[in-house]
Amino acid sequence: MKDNSGKVLLAMLAGASAGVIAGLLMAPDTGEVTRNSVKKWAGKMSKDLEKNLQDGLEEIKKMSGDTFGKSAEANRGANKSGSTGSTTTGGTTTGTTGGSATGSTGGNA
């Protein structure tokens, strides 16, 4: 089954545009009154859109700050609670961070 959502959205946008144009052409007001009305409407919509965008950006910053803040706090807490050490097993050294490490030298542990 094909995804026709883009075509449907385009058709709806074209229909809405045609309706707006027809409404403006058949309006009972003079051109100057209609232009002023459209200018007021566009200004109001612009202010509303700007306010919504600012609110959305603040919400995104808050959410991303919380996420990154929690990750940073978790990392800081892990580094404070544990010690950094290394373990040697059979000649292979592996490092650990954020926990305690027991080291053995040589042989198999």
N, C-alpha and C. Protein backbone atom coordinates (compact mmCIF):
# COMPACT_ATOMS: atom_id res chain seq x y z
N MET A 1 0.84 -1.17 0.00
CA MET A 1 0.00 0.00 0.00
C MET A 1 0.89 1.24 0.00
N LYS A 2 0.64 2.18 -0.89
CA LYS A 2 1.45 3.38 -1.03
C LYS A 2 1.07 4.42 0.00
N ASP A 3 2.06 5.22 0.37
CA ASP A 3 1.83 6.31 1.32
C ASP A 3 1.47 7.56 0.54
N ASN A 4 0.20 7.98 0.60
CA ASN A 4 -0.28 9.14 -0.13
C ASN A 4 -0.48 10.35 0.78
N SER A 5 0.09 10.34 1.95
CA SER A 5 -0.15 11.43 2.89
C SER A 5 0.37 12.76 2.36
N GLY A 6 1.48 12.74 1.63
CA GLY A 6 2.02 13.97 1.06
C GLY A 6 1.09 14.56 0.02
N LYS A 7 0.51 13.71 -0.81
CA LYS A 7 -0.42 14.18 -1.85
C LYS A 7 -1.70 14.73 -1.22
N VAL A 8 -2.17 14.06 -0.18
CA VAL A 8 -3.39 14.51 0.49
C VAL A 8 -3.14 15.86 1.15
N LEU A 9 -2.01 16.01 1.81
CA LEU A 9 -1.67 17.27 2.47
C LEU A 9 -1.55 18.40 1.44
N LEU A 10 -0.93 18.13 0.31
CA LEU A 10 -0.80 19.13 -0.74
C LEU A 10 -2.16 19.52 -1.30
N ALA A 11 -3.03 18.56 -1.50
CA ALA A 11 -4.37 18.84 -2.01
C ALA A 11 -5.17 19.68 -1.01
N MET A 12 -5.04 19.38 0.29
CA MET A 12 -5.73 20.17 1.30
C MET A 12 -5.22 21.60 1.34
N LEU A 13 -3.90 21.76 1.22
CA LEU A 13 -3.30 23.09 1.21
C LEU A 13 -3.75 23.89 -0.01
N ALA A 14 -3.81 23.25 -1.18
CA ALA A 14 -4.26 23.92 -2.40
C ALA A 14 -5.73 24.31 -2.28
N GLY A 15 -6.56 23.46 -1.73
CA GLY A 15 -7.98 23.77 -1.54
C GLY A 15 -8.20 24.92 -0.58
N ALA A 16 -7.43 24.92 0.50
CA ALA A 16 -7.54 26.01 1.47
C ALA A 16 -7.10 27.33 0.85
N SER A 17 -6.02 27.30 0.09
CA SER A 17 -5.55 28.52 -0.58
C SER A 17 -6.58 29.05 -1.56
N ALA A 18 -7.18 28.16 -2.34
CA ALA A 18 -8.21 28.58 -3.29
C ALA A 18 -9.40 29.19 -2.56
N GLY A 19 -9.78 28.63 -1.43
CA GLY A 19 -10.89 29.16 -0.64
C GLY A 19 -10.60 30.54 -0.10
N VAL A 20 -9.37 30.75 0.37
CA VAL A 20 -8.99 32.06 0.89
C VAL A 20 -9.01 33.11 -0.22
N ILE A 21 -8.46 32.77 -1.37
CA ILE A 21 -8.44 33.70 -2.50
C ILE A 21 -9.85 34.04 -2.95
N ALA A 22 -10.70 33.04 -3.07
CA ALA A 22 -12.08 33.28 -3.48
C ALA A 22 -12.80 34.16 -2.45
N GLY A 23 -12.56 33.92 -1.18
CA GLY A 23 -13.17 34.72 -0.13
C GLY A 23 -12.73 36.17 -0.18
N LEU A 24 -11.45 36.39 -0.46
CA LEU A 24 -10.95 37.76 -0.55
C LEU A 24 -11.52 38.49 -1.77
N LEU A 25 -11.64 37.78 -2.88
CA LEU A 25 -12.15 38.40 -4.09
C LEU A 25 -13.64 38.74 -3.98
N MET A 26 -14.38 37.97 -3.22
CA MET A 26 -15.81 38.18 -3.11
C MET A 26 -16.20 38.93 -1.82
N ALA A 27 -15.22 39.45 -1.12
CA ALA A 27 -15.49 40.14 0.14
C ALA A 27 -16.29 41.42 -0.11
N PRO A 28 -17.20 41.73 0.81
CA PRO A 28 -18.02 42.93 0.63
C PRO A 28 -17.26 44.23 0.91
N ASP A 29 -16.10 44.14 1.58
CA ASP A 29 -15.33 45.33 1.91
C ASP A 29 -14.51 45.80 0.71
N THR A 30 -14.04 47.04 0.79
CA THR A 30 -13.16 47.56 -0.25
C THR A 30 -11.79 46.93 -0.09
N GLY A 31 -10.97 47.10 -1.09
CA GLY A 31 -9.62 46.53 -1.06
C GLY A 31 -8.79 47.03 0.10
N GLU A 32 -8.90 48.34 0.40
CA GLU A 32 -8.11 48.91 1.49
C GLU A 32 -8.52 48.33 2.84
N VAL A 33 -9.81 48.19 3.07
CA VAL A 33 -10.31 47.63 4.33
C VAL A 33 -9.88 46.16 4.44
N THR A 34 -9.98 45.43 3.34
CA THR A 34 -9.59 44.03 3.34
C THR A 34 -8.09 43.88 3.61
N ARG A 35 -7.27 44.71 2.98
CA ARG A 35 -5.82 44.66 3.22
C ARG A 35 -5.49 44.95 4.68
N ASN A 36 -6.15 45.96 5.25
CA ASN A 36 -5.92 46.28 6.66
C ASN A 36 -6.33 45.13 7.57
N SER A 37 -7.43 44.50 7.23
CA SER A 37 -7.91 43.36 8.01
C SER A 37 -6.92 42.20 7.93
N VAL A 38 -6.44 41.94 6.72
CA VAL A 38 -5.47 40.86 6.54
C VAL A 38 -4.17 41.19 7.26
N LYS A 39 -3.75 42.45 7.23
CA LYS A 39 -2.52 42.88 7.90
C LYS A 39 -2.64 42.67 9.41
N LYS A 40 -3.79 43.04 9.99
CA LYS A 40 -4.01 42.84 11.42
C LYS A 40 -3.99 41.35 11.77
N TRP A 41 -4.68 40.55 10.94
CA TRP A 41 -4.74 39.11 11.19
C TRP A 41 -3.34 38.50 11.11
N ALA A 42 -2.55 38.90 10.10
CA ALA A 42 -1.20 38.36 9.93
C ALA A 42 -0.31 38.77 11.10
N GLY A 43 -0.44 40.01 11.57
CA GLY A 43 0.35 40.46 12.71
C GLY A 43 0.03 39.67 13.96
N LYS A 44 -1.27 39.42 14.18
CA LYS A 44 -1.68 38.64 15.34
C LYS A 44 -1.16 37.21 15.25
N MET A 45 -1.27 36.64 14.07
CA MET A 45 -0.78 35.26 13.88
C MET A 45 0.73 35.20 14.07
N SER A 46 1.43 36.22 13.61
CA SER A 46 2.88 36.27 13.77
C SER A 46 3.27 36.31 15.24
N LYS A 47 2.59 37.15 16.02
CA LYS A 47 2.88 37.24 17.45
C LYS A 47 2.57 35.92 18.15
N ASP A 48 1.45 35.31 17.80
CA ASP A 48 1.08 34.02 18.41
C ASP A 48 2.11 32.95 18.07
N LEU A 49 2.53 32.92 16.80
CA LEU A 49 3.51 31.92 16.37
C LEU A 49 4.83 32.13 17.08
N GLU A 50 5.26 33.38 17.19
CA GLU A 50 6.51 33.68 17.89
C GLU A 50 6.45 33.24 19.34
N LYS A 51 5.32 33.51 20.01
CA LYS A 51 5.16 33.12 21.41
C LYS A 51 5.20 31.60 21.55
N ASN A 52 4.51 30.89 20.66
CA ASN A 52 4.50 29.43 20.71
C ASN A 52 5.89 28.86 20.46
N LEU A 53 6.63 29.46 19.52
CA LEU A 53 7.99 28.98 19.25
C LEU A 53 8.90 29.21 20.45
N GLN A 54 8.80 30.37 21.08
CA GLN A 54 9.62 30.65 22.26
C GLN A 54 9.29 29.68 23.39
N ASP A 55 8.00 29.42 23.60
CA ASP A 55 7.60 28.47 24.64
C ASP A 55 8.14 27.07 24.33
N GLY A 56 8.06 26.68 23.07
CA GLY A 56 8.57 25.38 22.66
C GLY A 56 10.07 25.26 22.85
N LEU A 57 10.81 26.32 22.48
CA LEU A 57 12.26 26.31 22.67
C LEU A 57 12.64 26.23 24.14
N GLU A 58 11.92 26.96 24.98
CA GLU A 58 12.20 26.90 26.42
C GLU A 58 11.94 25.50 26.96
N GLU A 59 10.87 24.88 26.50
CA GLU A 59 10.55 23.52 26.95
C GLU A 59 11.62 22.53 26.50
N ILE A 60 12.09 22.68 25.26
CA ILE A 60 13.15 21.80 24.76
C ILE A 60 14.43 22.00 25.55
N LYS A 61 14.78 23.26 25.83
CA LYS A 61 15.98 23.52 26.61
C LYS A 61 15.87 22.92 28.01
N LYS A 62 14.67 23.05 28.60
CA LYS A 62 14.45 22.51 29.94
C LYS A 62 14.59 20.99 29.92
N MET A 63 13.99 20.36 28.91
CA MET A 63 14.04 18.89 28.83
C MET A 63 15.46 18.42 28.55
N SER A 64 16.18 19.08 27.65
CA SER A 64 17.53 18.65 27.34
C SER A 64 18.47 18.95 28.49
N GLY A 65 18.23 20.06 29.19
CA GLY A 65 19.04 20.38 30.37
C GLY A 65 18.85 19.35 31.46
N ASP A 66 17.62 18.91 31.67
CA ASP A 66 17.35 17.88 32.67
C ASP A 66 18.05 16.59 32.30
N THR A 67 17.97 16.21 31.06
CA THR A 67 18.58 14.95 30.61
C THR A 67 20.09 15.00 30.75
N PHE A 68 20.70 16.08 30.23
CA PHE A 68 22.15 16.18 30.31
C PHE A 68 22.61 16.42 31.74
N GLY A 69 21.83 17.16 32.52
CA GLY A 69 22.17 17.40 33.91
C GLY A 69 22.17 16.12 34.71
N LYS A 70 21.18 15.27 34.49
CA LYS A 70 21.10 14.00 35.22
C LYS A 70 22.27 13.10 34.84
N SER A 71 22.63 13.08 33.55
CA SER A 71 23.75 12.25 33.11
C SER A 71 25.05 12.74 33.74
N ALA A 72 25.25 14.05 33.77
CA ALA A 72 26.47 14.60 34.34
C ALA A 72 26.53 14.31 35.84
N GLU A 73 25.39 14.46 36.54
CA GLU A 73 25.36 14.17 37.97
C GLU A 73 25.65 12.70 38.23
N ALA A 74 25.10 11.82 37.41
CA ALA A 74 25.33 10.39 37.59
C ALA A 74 26.81 10.07 37.39
N ASN A 75 27.43 10.69 36.39
CA ASN A 75 28.85 10.45 36.15
C ASN A 75 29.70 10.99 37.29
N ARG A 76 29.36 12.18 37.79
CA ARG A 76 30.11 12.75 38.91
C ARG A 76 29.96 11.89 40.15
N GLY A 77 28.76 11.41 40.40
CA GLY A 77 28.51 10.57 41.56
C GLY A 77 29.26 9.26 41.49
N ALA A 78 29.35 8.68 40.31
CA ALA A 78 30.07 7.42 40.14
C ALA A 78 31.56 7.63 40.35
N ASN A 79 32.08 8.75 39.89
CA ASN A 79 33.50 9.01 40.06
C ASN A 79 33.86 9.30 41.51
N LYS A 80 32.95 9.93 42.26
CA LYS A 80 33.22 10.22 43.66
C LYS A 80 33.11 8.98 44.52
N SER A 81 32.16 8.10 44.22
CA SER A 81 31.91 6.96 45.10
C SER A 81 32.93 5.84 44.91
N GLY A 82 33.47 5.69 43.73
CA GLY A 82 34.40 4.60 43.48
C GLY A 82 35.79 5.12 43.28
N SER A 83 36.73 4.20 43.24
CA SER A 83 38.11 4.60 42.98
C SER A 83 38.51 4.04 41.64
N THR A 84 39.48 4.67 41.06
CA THR A 84 39.97 4.21 39.77
C THR A 84 41.08 3.23 40.03
N GLY A 85 41.02 2.10 39.39
CA GLY A 85 42.04 1.09 39.59
C GLY A 85 42.22 0.26 38.34
N SER A 86 43.11 -0.68 38.42
CA SER A 86 43.29 -1.57 37.29
C SER A 86 43.50 -2.97 37.81
N THR A 87 43.09 -3.91 37.03
CA THR A 87 43.28 -5.31 37.40
C THR A 87 44.17 -5.95 36.38
N THR A 88 45.01 -6.80 36.85
CA THR A 88 45.90 -7.51 35.95
C THR A 88 45.58 -8.99 36.09
N THR A 89 45.22 -9.59 34.99
CA THR A 89 44.91 -11.01 35.00
C THR A 89 45.71 -11.67 33.91
N GLY A 90 46.62 -12.51 34.28
CA GLY A 90 47.40 -13.25 33.29
C GLY A 90 48.18 -12.34 32.36
N GLY A 91 48.60 -11.18 32.88
CA GLY A 91 49.41 -10.29 32.06
C GLY A 91 48.59 -9.25 31.30
N THR A 92 47.25 -9.32 31.34
CA THR A 92 46.40 -8.36 30.65
C THR A 92 45.88 -7.36 31.66
N THR A 93 46.02 -6.08 31.39
CA THR A 93 45.59 -5.05 32.32
C THR A 93 44.30 -4.42 31.80
N THR A 94 43.29 -4.33 32.67
CA THR A 94 42.04 -3.66 32.32
C THR A 94 41.78 -2.60 33.36
N GLY A 95 41.32 -1.43 32.93
CA GLY A 95 41.05 -0.33 33.85
C GLY A 95 39.57 -0.26 34.18
N THR A 96 39.26 0.22 35.38
CA THR A 96 37.87 0.41 35.76
C THR A 96 37.71 1.82 36.30
N THR A 97 36.55 2.40 36.09
CA THR A 97 36.25 3.72 36.60
C THR A 97 34.89 3.67 37.29
N GLY A 98 34.80 4.26 38.45
CA GLY A 98 33.51 4.33 39.12
C GLY A 98 33.22 3.14 40.00
N GLY A 99 34.15 2.30 40.21
CA GLY A 99 33.92 1.17 41.09
C GLY A 99 35.22 0.83 41.79
N SER A 100 35.19 -0.15 42.65
CA SER A 100 36.44 -0.53 43.29
C SER A 100 37.03 -1.68 42.49
N ALA A 101 38.31 -1.74 42.46
CA ALA A 101 38.97 -2.77 41.67
C ALA A 101 39.91 -3.55 42.57
N THR A 102 40.01 -4.80 42.31
CA THR A 102 40.92 -5.64 43.06
C THR A 102 42.02 -6.04 42.08
N GLY A 103 43.19 -5.84 42.44
CA GLY A 103 44.28 -6.16 41.53
C GLY A 103 45.02 -7.40 41.98
N SER A 104 45.43 -8.18 41.01
CA SER A 104 46.28 -9.33 41.30
C SER A 104 47.42 -9.29 40.31
N THR A 105 48.54 -9.76 40.72
CA THR A 105 49.68 -9.69 39.84
C THR A 105 50.07 -11.09 39.42
N GLY A 106 50.33 -11.21 38.14
CA GLY A 106 50.78 -12.48 37.61
C GLY A 106 49.69 -13.52 37.68
N GLY A 107 49.95 -14.69 37.34
CA GLY A 107 49.06 -15.84 37.48
C GLY A 107 47.63 -15.60 37.04
N ASN A 108 46.80 -16.56 37.21
CA ASN A 108 45.37 -16.46 36.89
C ASN A 108 44.61 -16.17 38.16
N ALA A 109 43.79 -15.15 38.13
CA ALA A 109 43.04 -14.78 39.33
C ALA A 109 41.65 -15.30 39.27
